[in-house]
Amino acid sequence: MYKSRLIYLAIIIAAFIFSQALYESVSYMTLIIVLALPVISVLLAVFSFPLLNVKIAINNNSIFRYSYFIVKISLISHSPFVSPTFKINCSMPDDEGAYMEKVTFISNMSAGRGGSIDYPRFFANRGKYCLSIDSIEYFDFLKLIKFKKKYNKAIFITVKPCDIELQLPVSSELQRQENSMISGMTPVASGGDMFAVRDYIFGDSMRNVHWKLSAKSEDIVVKTFAENIYDQAIVISDLSSYYENEFLAKSMTDCVIEATLSAVNDYSKSSVRFSLIYNLGKDENKYLTITSPADSINAKNSIMMSPMVKNSSVTDLLQNVDLNLISGCEVCLITSLGSDEMMKKVKAMFMDRKCGLKVIRITEHDVPESDGVLSYSKGYIEKLCRSKANESR
């Protein structure tokens, strides 16, 4: 800008000198043209305000952690009276979503045309993020004065946990009963005392259809039996925060959720009836029974974007669980709790319940397996997430 002003000042001086030498006096026409040019340039730049527009878009509004995506910023200029160089000021979260940072792009284009910028990004943590354009800056065609046009254009992107495969040690097997048959993923008894009725699921035996109720309701209704209403396994997911650094704690919670999704997949494949329990607060748990593929999908969608719980711990979570429900079950506890002493107290809570306890612990660094506690490091899970993200590209 200062260079442009010096050049224009030199032009004025040269014009006066030329006019003086040619006409032996300063020409009024020369004076008017030379002094009117900057006014015209500024006025045309002001009138160009409505002829400038900018847009922001992304190729996908819902992505997985560590998945690269493209932020496309398009600038449209219908005015030939402004400088073709534009500065675009944006506000975007950093890669961890920890804080908003100012990002500036320089766009050069020919007069009266537009251009676009592709900005590759990824986010390491779950959440809903906002990417916005704050303003554009440009000059008049003489580059004498800078103009700034403010915008309030934003897009939102949802970052989900990855559905990875940890191959957790699931040992529960489908209960084989003489009076039962397998329907999809759910053991459905064809004998014993009837417990309740439910809607028909594809694959159910027609022997279990309650024909009278089906005729009344005009929908197929299936009988369920008392011997199949108990869980064989329970997945308990601890979403509590155990780290002072908030964004490290969020990353650990993301890893816990990804391990939970893996556990849900593994138990679903083993065709057992199981439940998912996770904490929403210090005194609030979510309990989901999974007996069909639809239940499995609903459970994963339910926990996928659940927030980290700051005012709770694994002991609070377990105190709100009816321990009678877990008697005789295989229990898979997934947590980012790092204290070995606290882990011993957790195990003691299950000693009298005659259940098989498996603890999956997410750690900040690599920790060897000890006392039946299987550890996965944050780095290992994030490596799997990156690999999953690269596969989806």
Protein backbone atom coordinates (compact mmCIF):
# COMPACT_ATOMS: atom_id res chain seq x y z
CA MET A 1 0.00 0.00 0.00
CA TYR A 2 2.77 2.45 0.90
CA LYS A 3 4.63 1.55 -2.28
CA SER A 4 1.49 2.32 -4.32
CA ARG A 5 1.13 5.69 -2.66
CA LEU A 6 4.76 6.58 -3.42
CA ILE A 7 4.29 5.56 -7.04
CA TYR A 8 1.13 7.69 -7.31
CA LEU A 9 2.93 10.66 -5.67
CA ALA A 10 5.71 10.28 -8.23
CA ILE A 11 3.11 10.30 -11.03
CA ILE A 12 1.62 13.56 -9.67
CA ILE A 13 5.02 15.20 -9.49
CA ALA A 14 5.91 14.01 -12.99
CA ALA A 15 2.57 15.29 -14.34
CA PHE A 16 3.16 18.73 -12.87
CA ILE A 17 6.70 18.88 -14.19
CA PHE A 18 5.57 17.73 -17.66
CA SER A 19 2.69 20.24 -17.66
CA GLN A 20 4.99 23.07 -16.58
CA ALA A 21 7.54 22.22 -19.27
CA LEU A 22 4.94 21.81 -22.03
CA TYR A 23 2.60 24.73 -21.32
CA GLU A 24 4.95 26.92 -19.24
CA SER A 25 2.20 26.74 -16.59
CA VAL A 26 0.23 24.07 -14.76
CA SER A 27 -2.67 22.80 -16.86
CA TYR A 28 -5.98 22.76 -14.99
CA MET A 29 -7.05 19.70 -16.96
CA THR A 30 -3.92 17.83 -15.87
CA LEU A 31 -4.53 18.93 -12.30
CA ILE A 32 -8.16 17.72 -12.38
CA ILE A 33 -7.27 14.33 -13.90
CA VAL A 34 -4.40 13.68 -11.55
CA LEU A 35 -6.34 14.64 -8.42
CA ALA A 36 -9.61 13.00 -9.50
CA LEU A 37 -8.09 9.58 -10.14
CA PRO A 38 -7.70 8.57 -6.48
CA VAL A 39 -11.22 9.79 -5.69
CA ILE A 40 -12.62 7.75 -8.58
CA SER A 41 -10.60 4.72 -7.53
CA VAL A 42 -11.90 4.85 -3.96
CA LEU A 43 -15.50 5.45 -5.02
CA LEU A 44 -15.43 2.52 -7.42
CA ALA A 45 -14.01 0.32 -4.64
CA VAL A 46 -16.85 1.39 -2.33
CA PHE A 47 -19.46 0.68 -5.00
CA SER A 48 -17.85 -2.76 -5.50
CA PHE A 49 -18.93 -3.91 -2.00
CA PRO A 50 -22.09 -5.73 -3.16
CA LEU A 51 -20.21 -7.25 -6.12
CA LEU A 52 -17.90 -9.26 -3.87
CA ASN A 53 -18.96 -12.53 -2.28
CA VAL A 54 -17.27 -15.43 -0.53
CA LYS A 55 -18.45 -18.97 0.29
CA ILE A 56 -17.16 -21.79 2.48
CA ALA A 57 -18.01 -25.49 2.05
CA ILE A 58 -16.73 -28.95 2.95
CA ASN A 59 -17.06 -32.25 1.13
CA ASN A 60 -18.57 -34.07 4.13
CA ASN A 61 -20.27 -32.68 7.24
CA SER A 62 -19.76 -35.88 9.25
CA ILE A 63 -16.36 -37.55 9.43
CA PHE A 64 -14.30 -39.85 11.65
CA ARG A 65 -11.40 -38.79 13.82
CA TYR A 66 -8.17 -38.26 11.85
CA SER A 67 -10.04 -38.31 8.53
CA TYR A 68 -8.76 -35.65 6.17
CA PHE A 69 -11.33 -33.39 4.59
CA ILE A 70 -11.16 -30.37 2.31
CA VAL A 71 -12.36 -26.91 3.27
CA LYS A 72 -13.21 -25.14 0.02
CA ILE A 73 -13.25 -21.34 0.14
CA SER A 74 -14.64 -19.66 -2.97
CA LEU A 75 -14.29 -15.95 -3.68
CA ILE A 76 -16.43 -14.35 -6.37
CA SER A 77 -15.61 -10.85 -7.63
CA HIS A 78 -17.88 -9.27 -10.24
CA SER A 79 -16.10 -5.94 -9.99
CA PRO A 80 -13.24 -4.95 -12.37
CA PHE A 81 -12.53 -1.84 -10.27
CA VAL A 82 -10.66 -3.36 -7.34
CA SER A 83 -7.26 -4.92 -6.94
CA PRO A 84 -7.27 -8.63 -7.91
CA THR A 85 -5.45 -9.55 -4.67
CA PHE A 86 -7.69 -10.46 -1.72
CA LYS A 87 -6.94 -11.45 1.84
CA ILE A 88 -9.50 -13.87 3.37
CA ASN A 89 -9.63 -13.97 7.18
CA CYS A 90 -11.06 -17.16 8.74
CA SER A 91 -11.57 -18.61 12.23
CA MET A 92 -10.95 -22.33 12.56
CA PRO A 93 -10.23 -24.77 15.39
CA ASP A 94 -6.76 -26.25 15.63
CA ASP A 95 -6.27 -29.95 14.87
CA GLU A 96 -7.16 -30.98 18.43
CA GLY A 97 -10.13 -28.62 18.62
CA ALA A 98 -8.51 -27.02 21.65
CA TYR A 99 -8.84 -23.38 20.63
CA MET A 100 -9.87 -21.19 17.71
CA GLU A 101 -7.10 -19.79 15.57
CA LYS A 102 -7.07 -17.10 12.92
CA VAL A 103 -6.19 -18.37 9.45
CA THR A 104 -5.49 -16.00 6.55
CA PHE A 105 -5.47 -16.88 2.85
CA ILE A 106 -4.22 -14.74 -0.03
CA SER A 107 -6.16 -15.12 -3.26
CA ASN A 108 -5.06 -13.63 -6.59
CA MET A 109 -7.46 -13.51 -9.51
CA SER A 110 -8.06 -11.55 -12.66
CA ALA A 111 -10.48 -8.63 -12.50
CA GLY A 112 -14.17 -9.50 -12.61
CA ARG A 113 -13.63 -13.20 -11.92
CA GLY A 114 -13.49 -15.58 -8.99
CA GLY A 115 -11.20 -18.16 -7.50
CA SER A 116 -11.11 -20.89 -4.87
CA ILE A 117 -8.78 -22.26 -2.21
CA ASP A 118 -8.63 -25.88 -0.98
CA TYR A 119 -7.52 -26.22 2.62
CA PRO A 120 -6.94 -29.83 3.85
CA ARG A 121 -7.77 -30.44 7.53
CA PHE A 122 -8.37 -33.17 10.11
CA PHE A 123 -9.50 -33.23 13.76
CA ALA A 124 -8.05 -35.50 16.44
CA ASN A 125 -10.96 -35.36 18.90
CA ARG A 126 -14.69 -35.95 18.66
CA GLY A 127 -17.06 -33.02 18.68
CA LYS A 128 -18.95 -30.50 16.63
CA TYR A 129 -16.70 -27.82 15.16
CA CYS A 130 -17.39 -24.48 13.52
CA LEU A 131 -15.34 -23.13 10.61
CA SER A 132 -16.11 -19.57 9.58
CA ILE A 133 -15.12 -16.71 7.30
CA ASP A 134 -14.81 -13.44 9.21
CA SER A 135 -13.89 -10.92 6.53
CA ILE A 136 -12.10 -10.19 3.28
CA GLU A 137 -9.65 -7.35 2.68
CA TYR A 138 -8.89 -5.70 -0.64
CA PHE A 139 -7.64 -2.42 -2.19
CA ASP A 140 -8.96 -0.06 -4.81
CA PHE A 141 -7.41 -0.45 -8.27
CA LEU A 142 -4.71 2.16 -7.47
CA LYS A 143 -3.94 0.27 -4.23
CA LEU A 144 -4.18 3.45 -2.19
CA ILE A 145 -6.74 2.50 0.50
CA LYS A 146 -7.51 -0.86 2.11
CA PHE A 147 -11.13 -1.95 2.47
CA LYS A 148 -12.52 -4.63 4.76
CA LYS A 149 -15.84 -6.38 4.19
CA LYS A 150 -17.10 -8.38 7.17
CA TYR A 151 -18.88 -11.70 6.88
CA ASN A 152 -20.61 -14.10 9.21
CA LYS A 153 -20.51 -17.28 7.15
CA ALA A 154 -19.92 -20.56 8.95
CA ILE A 155 -20.22 -24.30 8.45
CA PHE A 156 -20.34 -27.04 11.08
CA ILE A 157 -18.69 -30.42 10.99
CA THR A 158 -19.31 -33.41 13.27
CA VAL A 159 -16.28 -35.54 14.14
CA LYS A 160 -17.19 -39.08 15.25
CA PRO A 161 -15.13 -41.84 16.89
CA CYS A 162 -13.75 -44.51 14.58
CA ASP A 163 -15.30 -47.97 14.49
CA ILE A 164 -12.04 -49.88 14.94
CA GLU A 165 -11.29 -53.54 15.63
CA LEU A 166 -9.38 -54.20 18.83
CA GLN A 167 -10.25 -57.92 18.91
CA LEU A 168 -11.15 -57.87 22.57
CA PRO A 169 -11.09 -61.19 24.47
CA VAL A 170 -14.79 -62.06 24.29
CA SER A 171 -15.42 -65.56 25.66
CA SER A 172 -19.21 -65.66 26.09
CA GLU A 173 -20.86 -68.08 23.74
CA LEU A 174 -24.43 -68.55 22.64
CA GLN A 175 -26.41 -70.55 25.16
CA ARG A 176 -27.52 -73.82 23.65
CA GLN A 177 -30.86 -74.95 24.98
CA GLU A 178 -32.84 -78.00 23.99
CA ASN A 179 -36.01 -75.98 23.60
CA SER A 180 -34.42 -72.98 21.85
CA MET A 181 -33.57 -71.92 18.36
CA ILE A 182 -31.44 -69.04 16.99
CA SER A 183 -33.13 -66.09 15.35
CA GLY A 184 -30.62 -63.68 13.90
CA MET A 185 -28.45 -62.71 16.86
CA THR A 186 -31.06 -63.50 19.53
CA PRO A 187 -31.69 -66.86 21.19
CA VAL A 188 -35.45 -67.35 21.06
CA ALA A 189 -36.97 -70.17 23.09
CA SER A 190 -39.63 -72.32 21.55
CA GLY A 191 -40.60 -73.83 24.87
CA GLY A 192 -40.89 -72.92 28.57
CA ASP A 193 -43.05 -70.22 30.12
CA MET A 194 -43.99 -67.28 27.95
CA PHE A 195 -42.56 -64.05 29.37
CA ALA A 196 -43.77 -61.31 27.00
CA VAL A 197 -44.37 -60.46 23.36
CA ARG A 198 -42.46 -58.28 20.91
CA ASP A 199 -42.59 -57.25 17.25
CA TYR A 200 -41.47 -59.74 14.65
CA ILE A 201 -37.79 -59.61 13.62
CA PHE A 202 -36.72 -61.01 10.29
CA GLY A 203 -35.55 -64.58 10.85
CA ASP A 204 -37.88 -65.37 13.77
CA SER A 205 -39.47 -68.81 13.73
CA MET A 206 -43.12 -68.84 12.78
CA ARG A 207 -43.61 -71.36 15.61
CA ASN A 208 -43.20 -68.46 18.09
CA VAL A 209 -45.77 -66.15 16.48
CA HIS A 210 -48.67 -65.18 18.76
CA TRP A 211 -51.41 -65.54 16.15
CA LYS A 212 -54.31 -64.13 18.16
CA LEU A 213 -52.50 -60.90 19.06
CA SER A 214 -51.12 -60.67 15.54
CA ALA A 215 -54.66 -60.82 14.12
CA LYS A 216 -55.86 -58.08 16.48
CA SER A 217 -52.91 -55.75 15.96
CA GLU A 218 -52.53 -56.45 12.23
CA ASP A 219 -48.77 -56.79 12.87
CA ILE A 220 -46.87 -59.99 13.48
CA VAL A 221 -46.21 -60.43 17.21
CA VAL A 222 -43.71 -62.97 18.56
CA LYS A 223 -43.63 -64.66 21.97
CA THR A 224 -40.57 -64.41 24.22
CA PHE A 225 -39.76 -66.80 27.05
CA ALA A 226 -38.52 -66.32 30.60
CA GLU A 227 -35.40 -68.39 30.12
CA ASN A 228 -34.05 -65.85 27.58
CA ILE A 229 -34.54 -62.53 29.38
CA TYR A 230 -31.20 -62.53 31.21
CA ASP A 231 -27.95 -61.06 29.94
CA GLN A 232 -24.98 -63.28 29.28
CA ALA A 233 -22.58 -60.34 29.14
CA ILE A 234 -22.48 -56.68 30.12
CA VAL A 235 -20.22 -53.99 28.67
CA ILE A 236 -19.62 -51.14 31.12
CA SER A 237 -18.06 -48.04 29.57
CA ASP A 238 -16.57 -45.43 31.90
CA LEU A 239 -16.62 -41.97 30.26
CA SER A 240 -15.18 -40.21 33.31
CA SER A 241 -12.31 -37.74 33.07
CA TYR A 242 -9.10 -38.59 34.94
CA TYR A 243 -6.67 -36.00 33.52
CA GLU A 244 -6.17 -32.33 34.36
CA ASN A 245 -5.42 -31.48 30.74
CA GLU A 246 -8.92 -31.22 29.26
CA PHE A 247 -7.96 -32.12 25.73
CA LEU A 248 -5.87 -35.10 26.80
CA ALA A 249 -8.88 -36.22 28.86
CA LYS A 250 -11.11 -35.83 25.80
CA SER A 251 -8.72 -37.92 23.72
CA MET A 252 -8.72 -40.65 26.36
CA THR A 253 -12.53 -40.61 26.44
CA ASP A 254 -12.60 -40.89 22.65
CA CYS A 255 -10.37 -43.97 22.91
CA VAL A 256 -12.68 -45.46 25.58
CA ILE A 257 -15.67 -44.99 23.28
CA GLU A 258 -13.80 -46.55 20.36
CA ALA A 259 -12.88 -49.55 22.54
CA THR A 260 -16.54 -49.76 23.59
CA LEU A 261 -17.70 -49.77 19.96
CA SER A 262 -15.24 -52.58 19.30
CA ALA A 263 -16.59 -54.53 22.29
CA VAL A 264 -20.18 -54.07 21.11
CA ASN A 265 -19.19 -55.40 17.68
CA ASP A 266 -17.39 -58.40 19.19
CA TYR A 267 -20.26 -59.37 21.48
CA SER A 268 -22.73 -58.90 18.63
CA LYS A 269 -20.72 -61.29 16.49
CA SER A 270 -20.71 -63.86 19.29
CA SER A 271 -24.54 -63.89 19.18
CA VAL A 272 -25.06 -63.44 22.92
CA ARG A 273 -27.62 -61.33 24.69
CA PHE A 274 -25.77 -58.47 26.38
CA SER A 275 -26.23 -54.93 27.66
CA LEU A 276 -24.28 -51.70 27.41
CA ILE A 277 -24.00 -49.40 30.42
CA TYR A 278 -22.22 -46.03 30.44
CA ASN A 279 -22.33 -42.96 32.65
CA LEU A 280 -23.94 -39.63 31.76
CA GLY A 281 -23.14 -37.97 35.10
CA LYS A 282 -22.18 -38.75 38.67
CA ASP A 283 -25.59 -40.21 39.51
CA GLU A 284 -26.89 -41.09 36.05
CA ASN A 285 -26.19 -44.14 33.90
CA LYS A 286 -27.51 -45.18 30.52
CA TYR A 287 -28.62 -48.81 30.24
CA LEU A 288 -29.19 -50.40 26.83
CA THR A 289 -30.15 -54.04 26.24
CA ILE A 290 -28.89 -55.50 22.97
CA THR A 291 -30.74 -58.47 21.54
CA SER A 292 -30.77 -57.73 17.81
CA PRO A 293 -28.70 -56.02 15.09
CA ALA A 294 -30.97 -52.97 15.34
CA ASP A 295 -30.30 -52.76 19.10
CA SER A 296 -26.56 -52.93 18.42
CA ILE A 297 -26.75 -50.05 15.95
CA ASN A 298 -28.87 -47.96 18.35
CA ALA A 299 -26.41 -48.62 21.20
CA LYS A 300 -23.44 -47.51 19.13
CA ASN A 301 -25.25 -44.39 17.93
CA SER A 302 -26.23 -43.62 21.53
CA ILE A 303 -22.71 -43.67 22.96
CA MET A 304 -20.90 -42.39 19.89
CA MET A 305 -21.22 -38.66 20.67
CA SER A 306 -21.79 -38.90 24.43
CA PRO A 307 -19.72 -36.23 26.19
CA MET A 308 -16.90 -36.80 28.64
CA VAL A 309 -18.16 -36.86 32.26
CA LYS A 310 -16.18 -34.47 34.47
CA ASN A 311 -17.85 -34.99 37.85
CA SER A 312 -17.82 -38.77 38.00
CA SER A 313 -15.51 -41.78 38.39
CA VAL A 314 -15.65 -45.49 37.77
CA THR A 315 -16.75 -46.12 41.36
CA ASP A 316 -19.67 -43.70 40.93
CA LEU A 317 -20.58 -45.52 37.73
CA LEU A 318 -20.52 -48.95 39.39
CA GLN A 319 -22.41 -47.78 42.49
CA ASN A 320 -25.31 -46.86 40.21
CA VAL A 321 -25.34 -50.30 38.60
CA ASP A 322 -27.65 -52.95 40.03
CA LEU A 323 -25.05 -55.59 40.84
CA ASN A 324 -27.75 -58.27 40.91
CA LEU A 325 -28.01 -57.83 37.14
CA ILE A 326 -24.39 -58.80 36.62
CA SER A 327 -24.40 -61.99 38.70
CA GLY A 328 -23.18 -64.85 36.55
CA CYS A 329 -22.46 -62.55 33.58
CA GLU A 330 -19.27 -61.86 31.72
CA VAL A 331 -18.51 -58.20 32.51
CA CYS A 332 -16.26 -56.13 30.26
CA LEU A 333 -15.28 -52.87 32.00
CA ILE A 334 -13.65 -50.23 29.77
CA THR A 335 -12.05 -47.23 31.49
CA SER A 336 -9.18 -44.74 31.27
CA LEU A 337 -8.58 -44.95 35.04
CA GLY A 338 -4.84 -45.24 35.60
CA SER A 339 -4.67 -46.02 39.33
CA ASP A 340 -3.79 -49.64 40.13
CA GLU A 341 -5.02 -49.20 43.71
CA MET A 342 -8.41 -48.00 42.51
CA MET A 343 -8.52 -50.89 40.06
CA LYS A 344 -8.14 -53.33 42.98
CA LYS A 345 -11.15 -51.72 44.68
CA VAL A 346 -13.13 -52.05 41.47
CA LYS A 347 -12.30 -55.76 41.26
CA ALA A 348 -13.34 -56.22 44.89
CA MET A 349 -16.84 -54.96 44.02
CA PHE A 350 -17.28 -57.94 41.69
CA MET A 351 -15.78 -60.67 43.85
CA ASP A 352 -19.08 -61.88 45.36
CA ARG A 353 -21.05 -61.72 42.13
CA LYS A 354 -19.61 -64.85 40.52
CA CYS A 355 -19.08 -63.00 37.27
CA GLY A 356 -16.16 -63.07 34.88
CA LEU A 357 -14.60 -59.59 35.00
CA LYS A 358 -12.49 -58.33 32.10
CA VAL A 359 -10.94 -54.87 32.46
CA ILE A 360 -9.87 -52.95 29.36
CA ARG A 361 -7.83 -49.95 30.42
CA ILE A 362 -6.90 -47.09 28.09
CA THR A 363 -3.53 -45.62 29.08
CA GLU A 364 -1.60 -42.55 27.99
CA HIS A 365 1.52 -44.66 27.35
CA ASP A 366 2.18 -48.34 26.74
CA VAL A 367 1.54 -50.41 29.88
CA PRO A 368 1.96 -54.21 29.99
CA GLU A 369 -0.99 -56.39 30.95
CA SER A 370 -1.15 -57.07 34.68
CA ASP A 371 -3.55 -58.79 37.09
CA GLY A 372 -6.06 -59.49 34.35
CA VAL A 373 -6.13 -55.86 33.21
CA LEU A 374 -5.62 -55.54 29.46
CA SER A 375 -4.17 -52.15 28.50
CA TYR A 376 -4.35 -50.32 25.20
CA SER A 377 -2.34 -47.13 24.77
CA LYS A 378 -3.87 -43.95 23.44
CA GLY A 379 -1.21 -43.91 20.72
CA TYR A 380 -2.06 -47.43 19.57
CA ILE A 381 -5.77 -46.69 19.25
CA GLU A 382 -5.10 -43.42 17.45
CA LYS A 383 -2.80 -45.29 15.05
CA LEU A 384 -5.70 -47.62 14.26
CA CYS A 385 -7.94 -44.56 13.78
CA ARG A 386 -5.52 -43.06 11.26
CA SER A 387 -5.34 -46.35 9.42
CA LYS A 388 -9.16 -46.54 9.37
CA ALA A 389 -9.33 -42.94 8.17
CA ASN A 390 -6.88 -43.64 5.33
CA GLU A 391 -8.95 -46.64 4.22
CA SER A 392 -12.05 -44.46 3.90
CA ARG A 393 -10.34 -41.88 1.69
